[in-house]
């Protein structure tokens, strides 16, 4: 079977991109041919994939997306495949992997009337409707129940088209796959004192992931704790704005930014808390990676996977509507209670050992390869 995967951009540190790579690799491992259409590819290219770089020239994101869709549609007519799988919303998909939130819901919550008059809105609304409208054949791979409720609310999408997926965490992230004395070894490797409080935040798009909230929470710590606290922020974004904020808050010496790293599992082994006070997050694979690493987590309720933190009893979920002081207190109280941190870590490890947090690629491949594209 020939399977085409469509995603606007590939870079090795995005959650959507990592899910795509593991699902596509699973399809390839089952003997099927994988073709990838993307505007750009950063990082190593799997030799077994047919990767096609789609030429786009528009100066706007929505313009580039439309050019991408037109080019891919024309190419597929000349070079047809058995399945078309999208990791971004667009017309003509057999299967869509819902790594993003419902755009209609986001607009309803955050935007005003005049926004709906913009070309940007018209593009994203039309592409989402082409996937979720009643009568469409696209099968929908979903990560969280609240995603489904939002799409049903705005499009009355048929229930039978939705397929809930389990999480899909790579086994190499799990705590028992790390070396002995991992915390001490990886702290030494990264020049982090054993006595320091080490906070980690991982995720591209710093604005959406709430890096500003994390910086403010660190700055609000009592001086005795703050002076001994280090924060590492890892993700694909431009850090200058947040470096300036850290400087304004007087914590610039304690915060470091990295565009992407291949040693996230090591950093999770070394850290005390994963910070993820996102403004918006459809799922948040990094939250489950932290659970499997045995790392306590402070997360906002808006994140699709926040319920796993509550179920595992391995951290703090900040309720909505968000208040900065609630986050500040959660961080302060956590760092002041090492016994609690230790218990959260043990709870996370137990959850990682007893729950299915790993089989997403296999289940997604089952649906992609088994669905009808008539």
Foldseek 3Di string as FASTA:
>chain_A
DEEEEEDAEADPAAPLNVLVVLLQVVLVVVPYAYEYEYCYYDDDDPPRHNYDHQDADDPDPLRRVVSSVVRVVVVCVVVPDQAYEYAAFAADHQEYEPQFADPVVVCVVPHDDVVCVDPVNVSNVVSSCNQFAPPHNYAYEAAFPVRVVVSCVVHVGDPVSYDYFFAADDPCLAQVNDDPVLQVVLCVVVVQDPPAAEEEEEEADCQQQPVVLVLVLLLLADPVNSVRYAYEYEAADDCPVVLVSNVVSVNNVRYYYYHHDPVVSSVLLNHLEYEGAGPAGRAPSVVLSSLSSLHAYEYEPRHRNVVVCVVLVQYHYQYPPHDSVVVSVRVNVSVVCVVSSNVSSVSSNVCNVPDPNRCRSVVVSCPRVPDHPD
